[in-house]
C-alpha cells in the first residue's frame, strides 16, 4: 500500500510501497526531529520499471528506498576494491575537490581545489587521518562526472536496474551521473534538484558501518525553508542548518531500515525561524542507505545528505578507511 499522509487512496504505486509514515510534534527551536521518523516507503528490489515510471510521473510521487538484492549483498567484499581499482586507472587526472561547504558564503570558507585523483584517493584510504577534514574543512569529491572521464568506471558502475530499460526505450533522458566520493562526516547541505534522482550507494569502505543519512522534505515546505534572495546562485539551497546527533545505541545493528534511522536525531539550529523549524518538524522524512541500496528522490524534494558511521558490532575498524561512494543518476521523463 502506498505511503499515506491522510486517508488511504488508490495509486499507481499500490504494488510498490509498504508501511505508514509517522510524524511527531516537537518544540520550535533547538529541537530534535526525524529521529523516530524512518522513511516508510520501502520498495522491493524486483519492482517493475514500467510501474516505477508511472509512479515517477504521477502526482503521488514521493521518495522510495529500494532494498538490496541477494547479489548486491554477496558482492559487498569486492565493491570497494573494484571501484578504487577503476578510479586508479585515472589517478593522474586532475579533479576539482570541494574544500569546505559550498553553502558557506564567508570569504575563504569554500573553494574548489584541483588535485590529482590518486592523491585524493591516497588521503581517503589513509586510516591514520582524523575526522575526514583538513584544517577543519571537509574534502569532498562531489558532483564529479567520473564515468565521462575514466572509461574503466563504466565496467563497474552501471545505471540502476530500474533505470537501464527506461533509458534504452527512450522513456527517460539521463541528464548526468554524478559521483560523490568522500569521508565519514562529509555533508551535502539541504537543497533541491530540478531532476528526478536515483541515488545509489555504490560502495563503502566498510559496508556494515559506513553509510549515508538522508533528511528529505517535500516541495510544499519550500516557502518556509528556501532563501529569501531568489536571484542567488544558491537559490536551490536552504540557509537552514541541520545536524545529526548520535544516540546511545546497542553495539549491533540489524538490516532493518527503521533501526538504522533510530541511531540519529536530526537537530535544527536554534537560530532557525520558527516557521522553518515547524515545517521541518512536521514534514521531515529520514533514512539511512547502506551499500547496494538506492533512494529515489523526486525532483523538487529538498534533501540533506551526510556520511555516517553505524554501530560496528564490536568489530575492530581502527585500520579501516572511512568512506562511501554514491552515484546520483539524474533523469527526466519524456512526455508521451
C-alpha atoms as a PDB file:
ATOM      1  CA  UNK A   1       0.000   0.000   0.000  1.00  0.00           C
ATOM      2  CA  UNK A   2       1.234   3.479  -0.783  1.00  0.00           C
ATOM      3  CA  UNK A   3       2.658   5.614   1.968  1.00  0.00           C
ATOM      4  CA  UNK A   4      -0.213   7.865   3.048  1.00  0.00           C
ATOM      5  CA  UNK A   5      -0.254  11.114   4.978  1.00  0.00           C
ATOM      6  CA  UNK A   6      -4.053  11.145   5.190  1.00  0.00           C
ATOM      7  CA  UNK A   7      -6.837   8.732   4.269  1.00  0.00           C
ATOM      8  CA  UNK A   8      -5.814   5.805   2.021  1.00  0.00           C
ATOM      9  CA  UNK A   9      -6.462   6.214  -1.683  1.00  0.00           C
ATOM     10  CA  UNK A  10      -5.738   4.308  -4.881  1.00  0.00           C
ATOM     11  CA  UNK A  11      -2.397   4.892  -6.552  1.00  0.00           C
ATOM     12  CA  UNK A  12      -0.309   3.685  -9.482  1.00  0.00           C
ATOM     13  CA  UNK A  13       2.285   2.661  -6.892  1.00  0.00           C
ATOM     14  CA  UNK A  14      -0.014   0.311  -4.985  1.00  0.00           C
ATOM     15  CA  UNK A  15       2.212  -2.665  -5.864  1.00  0.00           C
ATOM     16  CA  UNK A  16       5.427  -0.925  -4.859  1.00  0.00           C
ATOM     17  CA  UNK A  17       5.306   0.528  -1.402  1.00  0.00           C
ATOM     18  CA  UNK A  18       4.512  -0.663   2.117  1.00  0.00           C
ATOM     19  CA  UNK A  19       4.316   0.791   5.639  1.00  0.00           C
ATOM     20  CA  UNK A  20       2.990   4.060   7.069  1.00  0.00           C
ATOM     21  CA  UNK A  21       4.611   7.426   7.783  1.00  0.00           C
ATOM     22  CA  UNK A  22       4.863   8.749  11.315  1.00  0.00           C
ATOM     23  CA  UNK A  23       5.123  12.370  12.498  1.00  0.00           C
ATOM     24  CA  UNK A  24       5.991  13.992  15.809  1.00  0.00           C
ATOM     25  CA  UNK A  25       5.088  17.246  17.495  1.00  0.00           C
ATOM     26  CA  UNK A  26       8.266  18.919  18.782  1.00  0.00           C
ATOM     27  CA  UNK A  27       9.309  22.359  20.079  1.00  0.00           C
ATOM     28  CA  UNK A  28      10.216  25.022  17.542  1.00  0.00           C
ATOM     29  CA  UNK A  29      13.799  25.891  18.491  1.00  0.00           C
ATOM     30  CA  UNK A  30      16.830  23.797  19.236  1.00  0.00           C
ATOM     31  CA  UNK A  31      14.673  20.738  18.786  1.00  0.00           C
ATOM     32  CA  UNK A  32      15.160  17.174  17.709  1.00  0.00           C
ATOM     33  CA  UNK A  33      13.191  15.911  14.745  1.00  0.00           C
ATOM     34  CA  UNK A  34      13.169  12.912  12.479  1.00  0.00           C
ATOM     35  CA  UNK A  35      14.987  10.615  14.883  1.00  0.00           C
ATOM     36  CA  UNK A  36      11.976   8.319  15.077  1.00  0.00           C
ATOM     37  CA  UNK A  37      10.596   9.054  11.606  1.00  0.00           C
ATOM     38  CA  UNK A  38      12.077   6.449   9.254  1.00  0.00           C
ATOM     39  CA  UNK A  39      11.417   6.782   5.562  1.00  0.00           C
ATOM     40  CA  UNK A  40       8.479   4.411   5.437  1.00  0.00           C
ATOM     41  CA  UNK A  41       8.234   3.948   1.687  1.00  0.00           C
ATOM     42  CA  UNK A  42      10.403   0.892   1.103  1.00  0.00           C
ATOM     43  CA  UNK A  43      10.337  -0.902  -2.229  1.00  0.00           C
ATOM     44  CA  UNK A  44      11.216  -4.454  -3.149  1.00  0.00           C
ATOM     45  CA  UNK A  45      14.265  -4.873  -5.409  1.00  0.00           C
ATOM     46  CA  UNK A  46      12.248  -6.536  -8.190  1.00  0.00           C
ATOM     47  CA  UNK A  47       9.908  -3.572  -8.812  1.00  0.00           C
ATOM     48  CA  UNK A  48       8.783  -3.193 -12.425  1.00  0.00           C
ATOM     49  CA  UNK A  49      10.470  -0.391 -14.433  1.00  0.00           C
ATOM     50  CA  UNK A  50       7.140   0.432 -16.109  1.00  0.00           C
ATOM     51  CA  UNK A  51       5.372   0.685 -12.762  1.00  0.00           C
ATOM     52  CA  UNK A  52       8.205   2.831 -11.437  1.00  0.00           C
ATOM     53  CA  UNK A  53       7.891   5.149 -14.452  1.00  0.00           C
ATOM     54  CA  UNK A  54       4.161   5.566 -13.808  1.00  0.00           C
ATOM     55  CA  UNK A  55       4.914   6.354 -10.183  1.00  0.00           C
ATOM     56  CA  UNK A  56       7.574   8.936 -11.066  1.00  0.00           C
ATOM     57  CA  UNK A  57       5.169  10.622 -13.479  1.00  0.00           C
ATOM     58  CA  UNK A  58       2.257  10.674 -11.026  1.00  0.00           C
ATOM     59  CA  UNK A  59       1.128  13.402  -8.642  1.00  0.00           C
ATOM     60  CA  UNK A  60       1.763  10.998  -5.728  1.00  0.00           C
ATOM     61  CA  UNK A  61       5.491  10.753  -6.420  1.00  0.00           C
ATOM     62  CA  UNK A  62       7.398  10.565  -3.118  1.00  0.00           C
ATOM     63  CA  UNK A  63      10.817   9.267  -2.045  1.00  0.00           C
ATOM     64  CA  UNK A  64      11.267   5.497  -2.235  1.00  0.00           C
ATOM     65  CA  UNK A  65      14.028   3.302  -0.865  1.00  0.00           C
ATOM     66  CA  UNK A  66      14.962   0.254  -2.939  1.00  0.00           C
ATOM     67  CA  UNK A  67      16.371  -2.623  -0.937  1.00  0.00           C
ATOM     68  CA  UNK A  68      19.391  -4.697  -1.903  1.00  0.00           C
ATOM     69  CA  UNK A  69      19.185  -7.871  -3.915  1.00  0.00           C
ATOM     70  CA  UNK A  70      20.941 -11.061  -2.855  1.00  0.00           C
ATOM     71  CA  UNK A  71      23.623 -10.415  -5.472  1.00  0.00           C
ATOM     72  CA  UNK A  72      24.293  -6.958  -4.018  1.00  0.00           C
ATOM     73  CA  UNK A  73      24.873  -8.394  -0.552  1.00  0.00           C
ATOM     74  CA  UNK A  74      27.090 -11.169  -1.911  1.00  0.00           C
ATOM     75  CA  UNK A  75      29.358  -8.651  -3.680  1.00  0.00           C
ATOM     76  CA  UNK A  76      29.984  -6.489  -0.599  1.00  0.00           C
ATOM     77  CA  UNK A  77      33.620  -7.525  -0.090  1.00  0.00           C
ATOM     78  CA  UNK A  78      34.642  -6.589  -3.636  1.00  0.00           C
ATOM     79  CA  UNK A  79      32.636  -3.454  -4.463  1.00  0.00           C
ATOM     80  CA  UNK A  80      35.076  -1.033  -2.840  1.00  0.00           C
ATOM     81  CA  UNK A  81      38.134  -2.783  -4.314  1.00  0.00           C
ATOM     82  CA  UNK A  82      36.629  -2.797  -7.811  1.00  0.00           C
ATOM     83  CA  UNK A  83      35.718   0.881  -7.673  1.00  0.00           C
ATOM     84  CA  UNK A  84      39.069   2.034  -6.299  1.00  0.00           C
ATOM     85  CA  UNK A  85      40.869  -0.077  -8.914  1.00  0.00           C
ATOM     86  CA  UNK A  86      38.845   1.602 -11.689  1.00  0.00           C
ATOM     87  CA  UNK A  87      39.469   5.057 -10.229  1.00  0.00           C
ATOM     88  CA  UNK A  88      43.197   4.348 -10.046  1.00  0.00           C
ATOM     89  CA  UNK A  89      43.197   3.932 -13.838  1.00  0.00           C
ATOM     90  CA  UNK A  90      42.799   7.714 -13.975  1.00  0.00           C
ATOM     91  CA  UNK A  91      44.796   8.638 -10.879  1.00  0.00           C
ATOM     92  CA  UNK A  92      46.922  11.188 -12.779  1.00  0.00           C
ATOM     93  CA  UNK A  93      43.801  13.088 -13.836  1.00  0.00           C
ATOM     94  CA  UNK A  94      43.102  16.417 -12.122  1.00  0.00           C
ATOM     95  CA  UNK A  95      39.752  16.627 -10.359  1.00  0.00           C
ATOM     96  CA  UNK A  96      38.125  19.521  -8.501  1.00  0.00           C
ATOM     97  CA  UNK A  97      37.876  18.694  -4.804  1.00  0.00           C
ATOM     98  CA  UNK A  98      35.481  20.736  -2.694  1.00  0.00           C
ATOM     99  CA  UNK A  99      37.299  22.241   0.290  1.00  0.00           C
ATOM    100  CA  UNK A 100      34.665  23.359   2.794  1.00  0.00           C
ATOM    101  CA  UNK A 101      30.946  23.531   2.084  1.00  0.00           C
ATOM    102  CA  UNK A 102      29.579  25.347  -0.951  1.00  0.00           C
ATOM    103  CA  UNK A 103      26.692  26.875   1.029  1.00  0.00           C
ATOM    104  CA  UNK A 104      29.128  28.750   3.283  1.00  0.00           C
ATOM    105  CA  UNK A 105      29.401  32.224   1.770  1.00  0.00           C
ATOM    106  CA  UNK A 106      32.026  33.568   4.201  1.00  0.00           C
ATOM    107  CA  UNK A 107      35.257  34.686   2.463  1.00  0.00           C
ATOM    108  CA  UNK A 108      37.654  31.757   2.101  1.00  0.00           C
ATOM    109  CA  UNK A 109      35.187  29.265   3.572  1.00  0.00           C
ATOM    110  CA  UNK A 110      34.764  27.315   0.333  1.00  0.00           C
ATOM    111  CA  UNK A 111      36.831  26.705  -2.756  1.00  0.00           C
ATOM    112  CA  UNK A 112      37.371  24.056  -5.403  1.00  0.00           C
ATOM    113  CA  UNK A 113      40.917  22.780  -5.308  1.00  0.00           C
ATOM    114  CA  UNK A 114      42.427  20.954  -8.306  1.00  0.00           C
ATOM    115  CA  UNK A 115      44.078  17.746  -7.122  1.00  0.00           C
ATOM    116  CA  UNK A 116      45.341  14.557  -8.691  1.00  0.00           C
ATOM    117  CA  UNK A 117      42.699  11.886  -8.269  1.00  0.00           C
ATOM    118  CA  UNK A 118      45.340   9.479  -6.958  1.00  0.00           C
ATOM    119  CA  UNK A 119      46.372  11.987  -4.300  1.00  0.00           C
ATOM    120  CA  UNK A 120      42.770  12.293  -3.115  1.00  0.00           C
ATOM    121  CA  UNK A 121      42.371   8.502  -3.032  1.00  0.00           C
ATOM    122  CA  UNK A 122      45.586   8.187  -1.015  1.00  0.00           C
ATOM    123  CA  UNK A 123      44.193  10.635   1.535  1.00  0.00           C
ATOM    124  CA  UNK A 124      40.783   8.955   1.555  1.00  0.00           C
ATOM    125  CA  UNK A 125      42.239   5.489   2.187  1.00  0.00           C
ATOM    126  CA  UNK A 126      44.670   6.629   4.869  1.00  0.00           C
ATOM    127  CA  UNK A 127      43.338   5.082   8.089  1.00  0.00           C
ATOM    128  CA  UNK A 128      45.585   7.347  10.217  1.00  0.00           C
ATOM    129  CA  UNK A 129      43.920  10.642   9.287  1.00  0.00           C
ATOM    130  CA  UNK A 130      41.447  12.163  11.715  1.00  0.00           C
ATOM    131  CA  UNK A 131      37.926  13.443  11.120  1.00  0.00           C
ATOM    132  CA  UNK A 132      37.987  13.483   7.320  1.00  0.00           C
ATOM    133  CA  UNK A 133      38.944  17.166   7.280  1.00  0.00           C
ATOM    134  CA  UNK A 134      41.946  19.398   6.587  1.00  0.00           C
ATOM    135  CA  UNK A 135      42.197  22.491   8.721  1.00  0.00           C
ATOM    136  CA  UNK A 136      38.666  21.843   9.932  1.00  0.00           C
ATOM    137  CA  UNK A 137      37.250  21.887   6.393  1.00  0.00           C
ATOM    138  CA  UNK A 138      35.837  18.825   4.663  1.00  0.00           C
ATOM    139  CA  UNK A 139      37.334  17.485   1.453  1.00  0.00           C
ATOM    140  CA  UNK A 140      34.749  16.032  -0.895  1.00  0.00           C
ATOM    141  CA  UNK A 141      34.833  14.784  -4.471  1.00  0.00           C
ATOM    142  CA  UNK A 142      31.244  15.780  -5.185  1.00  0.00           C
ATOM    143  CA  UNK A 143      29.170  16.110  -8.369  1.00  0.00           C
ATOM    144  CA  UNK A 144      32.009  14.576 -10.352  1.00  0.00           C
ATOM    145  CA  UNK A 145      31.222  13.128 -13.802  1.00  0.00           C
ATOM    146  CA  UNK A 146      33.544  10.186 -13.346  1.00  0.00           C
ATOM    147  CA  UNK A 147      32.013   7.909 -15.988  1.00  0.00           C
ATOM    148  CA  UNK A 148      32.653  10.603 -18.609  1.00  0.00           C
ATOM    149  CA  UNK A 149      36.303  10.960 -17.627  1.00  0.00           C
ATOM    150  CA  UNK A 150      37.520   7.425 -16.852  1.00  0.00           C
ATOM    151  CA  UNK A 151      36.291   4.714 -19.218  1.00  0.00           C
ATOM    152  CA  UNK A 152      37.096   1.874 -16.812  1.00  0.00           C
ATOM    153  CA  UNK A 153      34.471   3.137 -14.358  1.00  0.00           C
ATOM    154  CA  UNK A 154      31.707   2.047 -16.746  1.00  0.00           C
ATOM    155  CA  UNK A 155      32.800  -1.564 -16.227  1.00  0.00           C
ATOM    156  CA  UNK A 156      31.914  -1.490 -12.521  1.00  0.00           C
ATOM    157  CA  UNK A 157      29.328   1.306 -12.207  1.00  0.00           C
ATOM    158  CA  UNK A 158      26.161   0.803 -14.228  1.00  0.00           C
ATOM    159  CA  UNK A 159      22.755   2.502 -14.171  1.00  0.00           C
ATOM    160  CA  UNK A 160      20.312   1.111 -11.580  1.00  0.00           C
ATOM    161  CA  UNK A 161      18.332  -1.853 -12.883  1.00  0.00           C
ATOM    162  CA  UNK A 162      15.118   0.181 -12.836  1.00  0.00           C
ATOM    163  CA  UNK A 163      16.661   2.940 -14.944  1.00  0.00           C
ATOM    164  CA  UNK A 164      18.504   0.944 -17.638  1.00  0.00           C
ATOM    165  CA  UNK A 165      15.422  -0.309 -19.556  1.00  0.00           C
ATOM    166  CA  UNK A 166      13.807   3.132 -19.365  1.00  0.00           C
ATOM    167  CA  UNK A 167      16.920   4.700 -20.885  1.00  0.00           C
ATOM    168  CA  UNK A 168      17.088   2.032 -23.590  1.00  0.00           C
ATOM    169  CA  UNK A 169      13.432   2.514 -24.551  1.00  0.00           C
ATOM    170  CA  UNK A 170      13.736   6.298 -24.612  1.00  0.00           C
ATOM    171  CA  UNK A 171      11.116   6.715 -21.877  1.00  0.00           C
ATOM    172  CA  UNK A 172      13.512   8.899 -19.885  1.00  0.00           C
ATOM    173  CA  UNK A 173      16.521  11.054 -20.666  1.00  0.00           C
ATOM    174  CA  UNK A 174      19.627  10.966 -18.488  1.00  0.00           C
ATOM    175  CA  UNK A 175      20.883  14.428 -17.578  1.00  0.00           C
ATOM    176  CA  UNK A 176      24.058  13.157 -15.951  1.00  0.00           C
ATOM    177  CA  UNK A 177      25.507  10.695 -13.474  1.00  0.00           C
ATOM    178  CA  UNK A 178      27.376  12.368 -10.631  1.00  0.00           C
ATOM    179  CA  UNK A 179      29.792  10.752  -8.192  1.00  0.00           C
ATOM    180  CA  UNK A 180      30.007  11.670  -4.512  1.00  0.00           C
ATOM    181  CA  UNK A 181      33.128  10.080  -3.041  1.00  0.00           C
ATOM    182  CA  UNK A 182      34.020  11.276   0.425  1.00  0.00           C
ATOM    183  CA  UNK A 183      34.964  10.534   4.015  1.00  0.00           C
ATOM    184  CA  UNK A 184      32.810   9.863   7.034  1.00  0.00           C
ATOM    185  CA  UNK A 185      31.038  13.049   8.255  1.00  0.00           C
ATOM    186  CA  UNK A 186      31.082  14.738   4.819  1.00  0.00           C
ATOM    187  CA  UNK A 187      27.887  16.765   4.326  1.00  0.00           C
ATOM    188  CA  UNK A 188      25.833  17.976   1.386  1.00  0.00           C
ATOM    189  CA  UNK A 189      23.613  20.741   2.743  1.00  0.00           C
ATOM    190  CA  UNK A 190      19.812  20.970   2.429  1.00  0.00           C
ATOM    191  CA  UNK A 191      18.919  21.636  -1.218  1.00  0.00           C
ATOM    192  CA  UNK A 192      16.704  20.513  -4.106  1.00  0.00           C
ATOM    193  CA  UNK A 193      17.419  19.470  -7.707  1.00  0.00           C
ATOM    194  CA  UNK A 194      15.383  20.122 -10.880  1.00  0.00           C
ATOM    195  CA  UNK A 195      15.739  16.479 -11.944  1.00  0.00           C
ATOM    196  CA  UNK A 196      14.461  13.121 -10.779  1.00  0.00           C
ATOM    197  CA  UNK A 197      17.247  11.306  -8.938  1.00  0.00           C
ATOM    198  CA  UNK A 198      18.001   7.643  -8.345  1.00  0.00           C
ATOM    199  CA  UNK A 199      20.772   7.889  -5.785  1.00  0.00           C
ATOM    200  CA  UNK A 200      22.710   4.640  -5.434  1.00  0.00           C
ATOM    201  CA  UNK A 201      25.199   3.961  -2.654  1.00  0.00           C
ATOM    202  CA  UNK A 202      27.604   2.003  -4.808  1.00  0.00           C
ATOM    203  CA  UNK A 203      30.416   1.210  -2.381  1.00  0.00           C
ATOM    204  CA  UNK A 204      31.578   1.639   1.191  1.00  0.00           C
ATOM    205  CA  UNK A 205      34.992   1.016   2.705  1.00  0.00           C
ATOM    206  CA  UNK A 206      33.209  -0.999   5.430  1.00  0.00           C
ATOM    207  CA  UNK A 207      29.697  -1.827   4.156  1.00  0.00           C
ATOM    208  CA  UNK A 208      28.176  -2.733   7.511  1.00  0.00           C
ATOM    209  CA  UNK A 209      29.370   0.522   9.114  1.00  0.00           C
ATOM    210  CA  UNK A 210      29.805   3.463   6.720  1.00  0.00           C
ATOM    211  CA  UNK A 211      26.554   4.656   5.145  1.00  0.00           C
ATOM    212  CA  UNK A 212      24.631   7.764   4.092  1.00  0.00           C
ATOM    213  CA  UNK A 213      21.944   9.520   6.131  1.00  0.00           C
ATOM    214  CA  UNK A 214      19.217  11.475   4.299  1.00  0.00           C
ATOM    215  CA  UNK A 215      16.775  14.112   5.530  1.00  0.00           C
ATOM    216  CA  UNK A 216      14.009  14.764   2.981  1.00  0.00           C
ATOM    217  CA  UNK A 217      11.321  17.471   2.784  1.00  0.00           C
ATOM    218  CA  UNK A 218       8.544  17.916   0.189  1.00  0.00           C
ATOM    219  CA  UNK A 219       8.317  20.905  -2.188  1.00  0.00           C
ATOM    220  CA  UNK A 220       5.246  22.094  -0.258  1.00  0.00           C
ATOM    221  CA  UNK A 221       7.510  23.443   2.516  1.00  0.00           C
ATOM    222  CA  UNK A 222       9.734  25.441   0.150  1.00  0.00           C
ATOM    223  CA  UNK A 223       8.229  28.745   1.281  1.00  0.00           C
ATOM    224  CA  UNK A 224       9.422  28.045   4.827  1.00  0.00           C
ATOM    225  CA  UNK A 225      12.995  26.871   4.163  1.00  0.00           C
ATOM    226  CA  UNK A 226      14.267  28.476   0.944  1.00  0.00           C
ATOM    227  CA  UNK A 227      16.478  31.553   0.717  1.00  0.00           C
ATOM    228  CA  UNK A 228      14.851  34.950   0.576  1.00  0.00           C
ATOM    229  CA  UNK A 229      17.047  36.047  -2.342  1.00  0.00           C
ATOM    230  CA  UNK A 230      15.673  34.082  -5.298  1.00  0.00           C
ATOM    231  CA  UNK A 231      18.373  35.518  -7.573  1.00  0.00           C
ATOM    232  CA  UNK A 232      21.175  33.987  -5.514  1.00  0.00           C
ATOM    233  CA  UNK A 233      23.356  31.320  -7.137  1.00  0.00           C
ATOM    234  CA  UNK A 234      22.414  29.250  -4.068  1.00  0.00           C
ATOM    235  CA  UNK A 235      18.671  29.670  -4.558  1.00  0.00           C
ATOM    236  CA  UNK A 236      18.167  25.894  -4.570  1.00  0.00           C
ATOM    237  CA  UNK A 237      19.991  25.622  -1.225  1.00  0.00           C
ATOM    238  CA  UNK A 238      18.333  26.299   2.123  1.00  0.00           C
ATOM    239  CA  UNK A 239      20.020  28.577   4.695  1.00  0.00           C
ATOM    240  CA  UNK A 240      18.616  26.368   7.485  1.00  0.00           C
ATOM    241  CA  UNK A 241      21.383  24.458   9.229  1.00  0.00           C
ATOM    242  CA  UNK A 242      20.697  20.856  10.234  1.00  0.00           C
ATOM    243  CA  UNK A 243      22.989  18.480  12.103  1.00  0.00           C
ATOM    244  CA  UNK A 244      22.934  14.902  13.377  1.00  0.00           C
ATOM    245  CA  UNK A 245      23.323  13.705  16.943  1.00  0.00           C
ATOM    246  CA  UNK A 246      24.289  10.104  17.543  1.00  0.00           C
ATOM    247  CA  UNK A 247      22.051   8.485  20.152  1.00  0.00           C
ATOM    248  CA  UNK A 248      23.232   5.837  22.616  1.00  0.00           C
ATOM    249  CA  UNK A 249      22.654   2.567  20.823  1.00  0.00           C
ATOM    250  CA  UNK A 250      23.421  -1.119  21.188  1.00  0.00           C
ATOM    251  CA  UNK A 251      26.664  -2.379  19.668  1.00  0.00           C
ATOM    252  CA  UNK A 252      24.989  -4.369  16.914  1.00  0.00           C
ATOM    253  CA  UNK A 253      22.732  -3.371  14.065  1.00  0.00           C
ATOM    254  CA  UNK A 254      20.002  -5.117  12.170  1.00  0.00           C
ATOM    255  CA  UNK A 255      19.250  -4.864   8.483  1.00  0.00           C
ATOM    256  CA  UNK A 256      16.036  -3.024   9.351  1.00  0.00           C
ATOM    257  CA  UNK A 257      16.000   0.423   7.669  1.00  0.00           C
ATOM    258  CA  UNK A 258      13.991   1.802  10.593  1.00  0.00           C
ATOM    259  CA  UNK A 259      16.541   0.559  13.117  1.00  0.00           C
ATOM    260  CA  UNK A 260      19.327   2.315  11.239  1.00  0.00           C
ATOM    261  CA  UNK A 261      17.419   5.595  11.248  1.00  0.00           C
ATOM    262  CA  UNK A 262      16.819   5.434  15.010  1.00  0.00           C
ATOM    263  CA  UNK A 263      20.557   5.797  15.625  1.00  0.00           C
ATOM    264  CA  UNK A 264      20.435   9.528  14.829  1.00  0.00           C
ATOM    265  CA  UNK A 265      18.479  12.559  15.955  1.00  0.00           C
ATOM    266  CA  UNK A 266      18.156  15.431  13.487  1.00  0.00           C
ATOM    267  CA  UNK A 267      18.830  18.817  15.084  1.00  0.00           C
ATOM    268  CA  UNK A 268      17.669  22.146  13.687  1.00  0.00           C
ATOM    269  CA  UNK A 269      19.826  25.117  14.612  1.00  0.00           C
ATOM    270  CA  UNK A 270      18.266  27.284  17.312  1.00  0.00           C
ATOM    271  CA  UNK A 271      18.649  30.370  15.105  1.00  0.00           C
ATOM    272  CA  UNK A 272      16.214  28.978  12.503  1.00  0.00           C
ATOM    273  CA  UNK A 273      12.950  30.935  12.142  1.00  0.00           C
ATOM    274  CA  UNK A 274      10.003  29.402  13.980  1.00  0.00           C
ATOM    275  CA  UNK A 275       8.080  28.666  10.776  1.00  0.00           C
ATOM    276  CA  UNK A 276      11.102  26.871   9.289  1.00  0.00           C
ATOM    277  CA  UNK A 277      11.579  24.755  12.396  1.00  0.00           C
ATOM    278  CA  UNK A 278       7.892  23.877  12.459  1.00  0.00           C
ATOM    279  CA  UNK A 279       7.838  22.900   8.775  1.00  0.00           C
ATOM    280  CA  UNK A 280      10.829  20.610   9.258  1.00  0.00           C
ATOM    281  CA  UNK A 281       9.435  19.034  12.418  1.00  0.00           C
ATOM    282  CA  UNK A 282       6.102  18.312  10.739  1.00  0.00           C
ATOM    283  CA  UNK A 283       7.267  17.080   7.336  1.00  0.00           C
ATOM    284  CA  UNK A 284      10.819  15.667   7.588  1.00  0.00           C
ATOM    285  CA  UNK A 285      11.472  12.095   6.497  1.00  0.00           C
ATOM    286  CA  UNK A 286      14.770  10.377   7.204  1.00  0.00           C
ATOM    287  CA  UNK A 287      16.510   7.235   6.034  1.00  0.00           C
ATOM    288  CA  UNK A 288      19.916   5.589   6.024  1.00  0.00           C
ATOM    289  CA  UNK A 289      21.274   3.930   2.878  1.00  0.00           C
ATOM    290  CA  UNK A 290      23.855   1.145   3.074  1.00  0.00           C
ATOM    291  CA  UNK A 291      25.962  -0.245   0.250  1.00  0.00           C
ATOM    292  CA  UNK A 292      23.855  -1.626  -2.606  1.00  0.00           C
ATOM    293  CA  UNK A 293      20.702   0.369  -1.769  1.00  0.00           C
ATOM    294  CA  UNK A 294      19.078   3.073  -3.889  1.00  0.00           C
ATOM    295  CA  UNK A 295      16.928   6.064  -2.961  1.00  0.00           C
ATOM    296  CA  UNK A 296      14.539   7.710  -5.414  1.00  0.00           C
ATOM    297  CA  UNK A 297      14.330  11.465  -4.757  1.00  0.00           C
ATOM    298  CA  UNK A 298      11.615  13.214  -6.810  1.00  0.00           C
ATOM    299  CA  UNK A 299      12.613  16.490  -8.405  1.00  0.00           C
ATOM    300  CA  UNK A 300      11.906  19.472  -6.202  1.00  0.00           C
ATOM    301  CA  UNK A 301      12.231  17.476  -2.971  1.00  0.00           C
ATOM    302  CA  UNK A 302      14.662  19.040  -0.505  1.00  0.00           C
ATOM    303  CA  UNK A 303      17.347  16.733   0.845  1.00  0.00           C
ATOM    304  CA  UNK A 304      20.381  16.838   3.103  1.00  0.00           C
ATOM    305  CA  UNK A 305      22.985  14.053   2.953  1.00  0.00           C
ATOM    306  CA  UNK A 306      25.684  13.112   5.466  1.00  0.00           C
ATOM    307  CA  UNK A 307      28.163  10.249   5.528  1.00  0.00           C
ATOM    308  CA  UNK A 308      27.687   8.427   8.832  1.00  0.00           C
ATOM    309  CA  UNK A 309      29.072   5.547  10.868  1.00  0.00           C
ATOM    310  CA  UNK A 310      26.644   2.918  12.144  1.00  0.00           C
ATOM    311  CA  UNK A 311      27.324   0.751  15.228  1.00  0.00           C
ATOM    312  CA  UNK A 312      30.096  -1.664  14.335  1.00  0.00           C
ATOM    313  CA  UNK A 313      29.040  -4.667  16.406  1.00  0.00           C
ATOM    314  CA  UNK A 314      32.342  -4.721  18.271  1.00  0.00           C
ATOM    315  CA  UNK A 315      34.477  -5.046  15.146  1.00  0.00           C
ATOM    316  CA  UNK A 316      37.979  -3.568  15.158  1.00  0.00           C
ATOM    317  CA  UNK A 317      37.929  -0.903  12.452  1.00  0.00           C
ATOM    318  CA  UNK A 318      40.987   1.001  13.628  1.00  0.00           C
ATOM    319  CA  UNK A 319      42.851   0.195  10.409  1.00  0.00           C
ATOM    320  CA  UNK A 320      39.889   0.626   8.067  1.00  0.00           C
ATOM    321  CA  UNK A 321      39.425   3.585   5.743  1.00  0.00           C
ATOM    322  CA  UNK A 322      36.201   5.531   6.347  1.00  0.00           C
ATOM    323  CA  UNK A 323      34.481   6.486   3.112  1.00  0.00           C
ATOM    324  CA  UNK A 324      31.447   5.950   0.898  1.00  0.00           C
ATOM    325  CA  UNK A 325      30.923   6.366  -2.829  1.00  0.00           C
ATOM    326  CA  UNK A 326      27.450   7.257  -4.078  1.00  0.00           C
ATOM    327  CA  UNK A 327      26.224   7.927  -7.599  1.00  0.00           C
ATOM    328  CA  UNK A 328      23.316  10.209  -8.394  1.00  0.00           C
ATOM    329  CA  UNK A 329      21.512   9.303 -11.625  1.00  0.00           C
ATOM    330  CA  UNK A 330      19.641  12.479 -12.629  1.00  0.00           C
ATOM    331  CA  UNK A 331      16.959  11.982 -15.274  1.00  0.00           C
ATOM    332  CA  UNK A 332      13.720  13.411 -16.661  1.00  0.00           C
ATOM    333  CA  UNK A 333      10.722  11.586 -18.085  1.00  0.00           C
ATOM    334  CA  UNK A 334       9.835  12.237 -21.718  1.00  0.00           C
ATOM    335  CA  UNK A 335       6.350  13.495 -22.474  1.00  0.00           C
ATOM    336  CA  UNK A 336       4.221  10.983 -24.354  1.00  0.00           C
END
